[in-house]
């Protein structure tokens, strides 16, 4: 299987031929790994902009080749189109981002948002409807540009649980999440729903919305991949669970134990994508991330299990 075929197998709850697929929402250690970084295109125009788009596309491919990723994800539709034009989608699943659901408010407007949910619920729902429409429209543009997968990265949960109670989540998030996912899928994309934090009180609602995969299965919030696999592993692909905090600050033994736990409980039967519980963020020691990749190489192979 190609890397793309392996991750499609996982997303479709099948077992890949050999090694468990992997990717990251973002790999921010390019300087440490390759000695170079992405070009900020915000103030570029003309030929300079075109060169930067090509450079960023090439760098994403280089990262994927070096780390054996199955998914190449970009937030820049121009980069996705360039990757598609390069034929990269034959080997890797090209991925964009299109969420429109209500995430945890920031600290500046949390009180205001909370009050509006009680005082202006109908207006809030009209706004959520419009946001869902925009996400569906944007997702279609990404798909037309070459994306075959879309992530949805609105965060719903703290380490202690969801920002909204399960009852309020069912009112203000689930209907819109379901509609967006349904349309992304109808338009031809695989859908990976991301949220950090303790998802367990709303796990059933997330799964009911029909994403192909759930990311990030956050162990820092007490989410146990073995329990999630038992509860919903036959309904949705699981992605993540390697503890970002331990990768940064834990001992080598703690990191190894966590990585092997994720592989042991995520892999059986397929339907698992091996990755961190957030992103490979700046400041994470590269050697720790490479340790994670080395353990995948040794212990993440289906043909060596059982």
Protein backbone atom coordinates (compact mmCIF):
# COMPACT_ATOMS: atom_id res chain seq x y z
CA UNK A 1 0.00 0.00 0.00
CA UNK A 2 1.00 3.61 -0.53
CA UNK A 3 0.91 5.98 2.46
CA UNK A 4 -2.40 7.32 1.13
CA UNK A 5 -3.89 3.85 0.79
CA UNK A 6 -2.88 3.02 4.37
CA UNK A 7 -4.60 6.03 5.88
CA UNK A 8 -7.70 5.51 3.75
CA UNK A 9 -7.85 1.96 5.08
CA UNK A 10 -7.70 3.32 8.63
CA UNK A 11 -10.32 5.99 7.92
CA UNK A 12 -12.59 3.27 6.53
CA UNK A 13 -12.02 1.12 9.66
CA UNK A 14 -9.88 -1.38 7.80
CA UNK A 15 -6.42 -2.66 8.67
CA UNK A 16 -3.51 -1.43 6.53
CA UNK A 17 -1.15 -3.94 4.98
CA UNK A 18 1.90 -3.20 7.08
CA UNK A 19 2.67 -0.14 9.19
CA UNK A 20 0.18 2.03 11.05
CA UNK A 21 -0.37 5.34 9.19
CA UNK A 22 0.78 8.60 10.75
CA UNK A 23 0.59 12.37 10.23
CA UNK A 24 0.39 15.60 12.24
CA UNK A 25 -2.06 18.48 12.06
CA UNK A 26 1.09 20.62 12.04
CA UNK A 27 4.78 19.78 12.09
CA UNK A 28 6.47 22.86 13.53
CA UNK A 29 10.00 21.42 13.83
CA UNK A 30 11.06 21.91 10.22
CA UNK A 31 14.03 24.05 11.18
CA UNK A 32 15.25 21.42 13.61
CA UNK A 33 14.65 18.51 11.20
CA UNK A 34 15.60 20.03 7.85
CA UNK A 35 17.35 23.30 8.60
CA UNK A 36 14.69 25.41 6.87
CA UNK A 37 11.19 26.70 7.44
CA UNK A 38 8.04 27.73 5.62
CA UNK A 39 7.84 31.13 3.94
CA UNK A 40 5.26 33.58 5.23
CA UNK A 41 3.28 34.55 2.12
CA UNK A 42 1.08 37.26 3.60
CA UNK A 43 2.91 40.24 2.10
CA UNK A 44 4.07 38.62 -1.14
CA UNK A 45 2.73 39.17 -4.64
CA UNK A 46 3.41 38.12 -8.20
CA UNK A 47 6.34 35.87 -9.02
CA UNK A 48 7.67 36.07 -5.46
CA UNK A 49 4.37 34.75 -4.12
CA UNK A 50 4.28 31.96 -6.70
CA UNK A 51 7.81 30.86 -5.78
CA UNK A 52 6.91 30.86 -2.07
CA UNK A 53 3.80 28.73 -2.69
CA UNK A 54 5.92 26.25 -4.62
CA UNK A 55 8.59 26.25 -1.92
CA UNK A 56 6.05 25.60 0.84
CA UNK A 57 4.45 22.79 -1.18
CA UNK A 58 7.85 21.18 -1.74
CA UNK A 59 8.68 21.48 1.96
CA UNK A 60 5.45 19.72 2.96
CA UNK A 61 6.33 16.86 0.62
CA UNK A 62 9.86 16.68 2.02
CA UNK A 63 8.48 16.44 5.57
CA UNK A 64 6.02 13.72 4.54
CA UNK A 65 8.74 11.71 2.83
CA UNK A 66 11.14 12.05 5.74
CA UNK A 67 8.57 11.10 8.42
CA UNK A 68 6.47 8.64 6.38
CA UNK A 69 3.30 10.70 6.75
CA UNK A 70 0.16 9.53 4.97
CA UNK A 71 -1.61 12.91 5.02
CA UNK A 72 -0.24 16.27 3.86
CA UNK A 73 -2.26 19.07 5.44
CA UNK A 74 -2.12 22.76 4.59
CA UNK A 75 -4.17 25.76 5.60
CA UNK A 76 -3.36 27.47 2.28
CA UNK A 77 -5.68 26.56 -0.58
CA UNK A 78 -3.04 27.73 -3.05
CA UNK A 79 -0.58 25.20 -1.64
CA UNK A 80 -3.19 22.44 -1.81
CA UNK A 81 -3.82 23.25 -5.47
CA UNK A 82 -0.08 23.29 -6.18
CA UNK A 83 0.32 19.90 -4.50
CA UNK A 84 -2.58 18.51 -6.53
CA UNK A 85 -1.09 19.91 -9.75
CA UNK A 86 2.23 18.25 -8.84
CA UNK A 87 0.49 14.87 -8.61
CA UNK A 88 1.27 14.53 -4.90
CA UNK A 89 -2.28 13.33 -4.27
CA UNK A 90 -1.40 10.00 -5.88
CA UNK A 91 0.88 9.17 -2.94
CA UNK A 92 -0.54 11.22 -0.06
CA UNK A 93 -4.00 12.23 1.11
CA UNK A 94 -4.20 16.02 0.64
CA UNK A 95 -6.00 17.77 3.47
CA UNK A 96 -7.43 21.21 4.23
CA UNK A 97 -9.33 22.75 7.15
CA UNK A 98 -13.02 23.66 7.19
CA UNK A 99 -14.81 23.91 10.53
CA UNK A 100 -17.65 26.29 11.34
CA UNK A 101 -18.88 25.07 14.70
CA UNK A 102 -18.73 26.93 17.99
CA UNK A 103 -15.43 26.45 19.77
CA UNK A 104 -14.53 27.38 23.34
CA UNK A 105 -14.68 31.21 23.48
CA UNK A 106 -11.47 33.04 24.26
CA UNK A 107 -10.89 34.64 27.62
CA UNK A 108 -11.94 38.06 26.38
CA UNK A 109 -15.43 37.12 25.22
CA UNK A 110 -16.27 34.01 27.24
CA UNK A 111 -18.72 35.76 29.54
CA UNK A 112 -20.43 37.57 26.68
CA UNK A 113 -20.82 34.34 24.67
CA UNK A 114 -22.14 32.48 27.70
CA UNK A 115 -24.76 35.15 28.40
CA UNK A 116 -25.91 35.17 24.77
CA UNK A 117 -26.56 31.42 24.83
CA UNK A 118 -29.26 32.07 27.43
CA UNK A 119 -30.50 35.51 26.43
CA UNK A 120 -30.31 35.29 22.61
CA UNK A 121 -30.35 31.58 21.73
CA UNK A 122 -32.27 32.00 18.49
CA UNK A 123 -29.90 34.67 17.20
CA UNK A 124 -26.91 32.55 18.17
CA UNK A 125 -28.38 29.65 16.21
CA UNK A 126 -28.90 31.82 13.15
CA UNK A 127 -25.24 32.82 13.36
CA UNK A 128 -24.20 29.18 13.75
CA UNK A 129 -26.27 28.28 10.71
CA UNK A 130 -24.50 30.94 8.67
CA UNK A 131 -21.12 29.78 9.97
CA UNK A 132 -21.94 26.21 8.97
CA UNK A 133 -22.89 27.38 5.48
CA UNK A 134 -19.56 29.19 5.14
CA UNK A 135 -17.64 26.10 6.30
CA UNK A 136 -19.45 23.89 3.79
CA UNK A 137 -18.79 26.37 0.99
CA UNK A 138 -15.13 26.68 1.93
CA UNK A 139 -14.76 22.92 2.20
CA UNK A 140 -16.15 22.56 -1.33
CA UNK A 141 -13.57 25.06 -2.61
CA UNK A 142 -10.79 23.09 -0.93
CA UNK A 143 -12.10 19.85 -2.44
CA UNK A 144 -12.26 21.48 -5.87
CA UNK A 145 -8.64 22.58 -5.38
CA UNK A 146 -7.53 18.99 -4.73
CA UNK A 147 -8.18 18.21 -1.07
CA UNK A 148 -9.62 14.74 -0.42
CA UNK A 149 -9.69 15.15 3.36
CA UNK A 150 -10.80 17.97 5.64
CA UNK A 151 -9.97 18.49 9.28
CA UNK A 152 -12.34 20.35 11.60
CA UNK A 153 -10.35 21.90 14.42
CA UNK A 154 -12.78 23.79 16.66
CA UNK A 155 -11.91 22.84 20.25
CA UNK A 156 -14.84 22.03 22.55
CA UNK A 157 -13.25 20.76 25.75
CA UNK A 158 -11.00 21.68 28.65
CA UNK A 159 -9.03 19.01 30.49
CA UNK A 160 -11.92 18.79 32.93
CA UNK A 161 -14.63 18.37 30.30
CA UNK A 162 -16.60 20.23 27.61
CA UNK A 163 -17.16 23.98 27.79
CA UNK A 164 -20.86 23.32 27.19
CA UNK A 165 -22.83 20.74 29.12
CA UNK A 166 -23.84 17.70 27.05
CA UNK A 167 -27.39 19.09 26.88
CA UNK A 168 -26.23 22.48 25.61
CA UNK A 169 -23.71 20.83 23.29
CA UNK A 170 -26.61 18.91 21.74
CA UNK A 171 -28.38 22.22 21.15
CA UNK A 172 -25.60 24.54 20.01
CA UNK A 173 -22.96 22.28 18.42
CA UNK A 174 -24.15 18.82 17.41
CA UNK A 175 -26.72 19.82 14.74
CA UNK A 176 -24.26 22.11 12.99
CA UNK A 177 -21.36 19.68 13.31
CA UNK A 178 -23.51 16.93 11.81
CA UNK A 179 -24.61 19.14 8.92
CA UNK A 180 -21.09 20.26 8.06
CA UNK A 181 -19.66 16.74 8.22
CA UNK A 182 -22.54 15.35 6.16
CA UNK A 183 -21.93 17.94 3.45
CA UNK A 184 -18.14 17.53 3.45
CA UNK A 185 -18.65 13.80 2.97
CA UNK A 186 -21.28 14.31 0.30
CA UNK A 187 -18.82 16.56 -1.53
CA UNK A 188 -16.26 13.76 -1.54
CA UNK A 189 -13.97 14.34 1.46
CA UNK A 190 -12.86 12.25 4.38
CA UNK A 191 -13.46 14.18 7.61
CA UNK A 192 -11.25 14.22 10.72
CA UNK A 193 -12.79 15.98 13.72
CA UNK A 194 -10.24 17.42 16.16
CA UNK A 195 -10.79 18.60 19.68
CA UNK A 196 -8.42 18.60 22.62
CA UNK A 197 -9.54 18.02 26.19
CA UNK A 198 -11.83 15.54 27.91
CA UNK A 199 -14.31 14.51 25.22
CA UNK A 200 -15.81 11.60 27.17
CA UNK A 201 -19.06 13.36 28.21
CA UNK A 202 -19.80 14.18 24.55
CA UNK A 203 -18.11 11.21 22.86
CA UNK A 204 -21.43 9.73 21.79
CA UNK A 205 -22.52 13.01 20.20
CA UNK A 206 -19.23 13.44 18.33
CA UNK A 207 -19.47 9.94 16.91
CA UNK A 208 -23.14 10.39 16.00
CA UNK A 209 -22.15 13.27 13.70
CA UNK A 210 -20.38 10.80 11.44
CA UNK A 211 -16.73 11.91 11.11
CA UNK A 212 -14.37 9.35 9.66
CA UNK A 213 -11.90 9.98 12.50
CA UNK A 214 -11.64 11.59 15.93
CA UNK A 215 -8.44 13.44 16.88
CA UNK A 216 -6.68 13.97 19.40
CA UNK A 217 -7.77 11.58 22.20
CA UNK A 218 -6.02 13.78 24.72
CA UNK A 219 -4.28 11.77 27.49
CA UNK A 220 -3.49 14.99 29.36
CA UNK A 221 -7.26 15.26 29.85
CA UNK A 222 -7.57 11.64 30.96
CA UNK A 223 -8.83 10.26 27.65
CA UNK A 224 -7.83 6.58 27.58
CA UNK A 225 -7.46 5.22 24.06
CA UNK A 226 -8.19 1.70 25.27
CA UNK A 227 -11.57 2.82 26.63
CA UNK A 228 -12.40 4.89 23.54
CA UNK A 229 -11.46 1.96 21.31
CA UNK A 230 -13.75 -0.31 23.33
CA UNK A 231 -16.64 2.14 23.19
CA UNK A 232 -16.53 3.42 19.61
CA UNK A 233 -13.62 1.78 17.79
CA UNK A 234 -16.03 -0.04 15.51
CA UNK A 235 -17.74 3.23 14.52
CA UNK A 236 -14.96 5.77 14.00
CA UNK A 237 -11.24 5.81 13.27
CA UNK A 238 -9.14 7.00 16.21
CA UNK A 239 -6.20 9.39 15.75
CA UNK A 240 -3.66 10.54 18.32
CA UNK A 241 -3.15 9.83 22.04
CA UNK A 242 0.65 10.22 22.16
CA UNK A 243 1.06 12.63 25.05
CA UNK A 244 2.53 15.96 23.86
CA UNK A 245 3.34 16.99 27.43
CA UNK A 246 5.42 13.88 28.02
CA UNK A 247 7.20 14.31 24.69
CA UNK A 248 8.35 17.70 25.94
CA UNK A 249 9.00 17.14 29.65
CA UNK A 250 8.71 13.43 30.51
CA UNK A 251 11.48 10.92 30.98
CA UNK A 252 12.48 8.62 28.13
CA UNK A 253 10.81 5.72 29.92
CA UNK A 254 7.56 7.64 30.41
CA UNK A 255 7.54 8.64 26.76
CA UNK A 256 8.23 5.11 25.55
CA UNK A 257 5.53 3.66 27.79
CA UNK A 258 2.97 6.16 26.53
CA UNK A 259 3.86 5.60 22.87
CA UNK A 260 3.66 1.82 23.18
CA UNK A 261 0.35 2.11 25.03
CA UNK A 262 -1.11 4.12 22.16
CA UNK A 263 0.08 1.58 19.60
CA UNK A 264 -1.04 -1.41 21.65
CA UNK A 265 -4.59 -0.18 22.15
CA UNK A 266 -5.11 1.86 18.98
CA UNK A 267 -3.87 -0.54 16.32
CA UNK A 268 -5.82 -3.82 16.75
CA UNK A 269 -8.18 -4.39 13.85
CA UNK A 270 -7.15 -1.18 12.09
CA UNK A 271 -9.05 2.09 12.32
CA UNK A 272 -6.14 3.93 13.96
CA UNK A 273 -3.85 6.79 12.89
CA UNK A 274 -0.75 7.16 15.06
CA UNK A 275 0.09 10.76 16.00
CA UNK A 276 0.50 13.16 18.88
CA UNK A 277 -2.34 14.43 21.03
CA UNK A 278 -2.08 17.89 19.44
CA UNK A 279 0.72 18.89 17.05
CA UNK A 280 4.50 18.54 16.84
CA UNK A 281 4.90 22.01 18.31
CA UNK A 282 7.85 24.38 18.42
CA UNK A 283 9.82 23.68 21.58
CA UNK A 284 9.22 19.93 21.58
CA UNK A 285 12.65 18.25 21.46
CA UNK A 286 13.14 16.84 17.97
CA UNK A 287 14.87 13.78 19.41
CA UNK A 288 11.73 12.93 21.35
CA UNK A 289 9.59 13.15 18.24
CA UNK A 290 12.07 11.01 16.31
CA UNK A 291 11.97 8.50 19.17
CA UNK A 292 8.22 8.32 18.61
CA UNK A 293 8.77 7.64 14.90
CA UNK A 294 11.41 5.00 15.63
CA UNK A 295 9.09 3.15 18.00
CA UNK A 296 6.37 3.24 15.35
CA UNK A 297 8.82 1.71 12.89
CA UNK A 298 9.62 -1.11 15.32
CA UNK A 299 6.29 -1.76 17.04
CA UNK A 300 3.70 -0.25 14.70
CA UNK A 301 3.62 -3.02 12.11
CA UNK A 302 0.53 -5.15 11.66
CA UNK A 303 2.46 -7.98 9.97
CA UNK A 304 4.60 -8.41 13.11
CA UNK A 305 1.74 -8.50 15.59
CA UNK A 306 0.01 -11.45 17.15
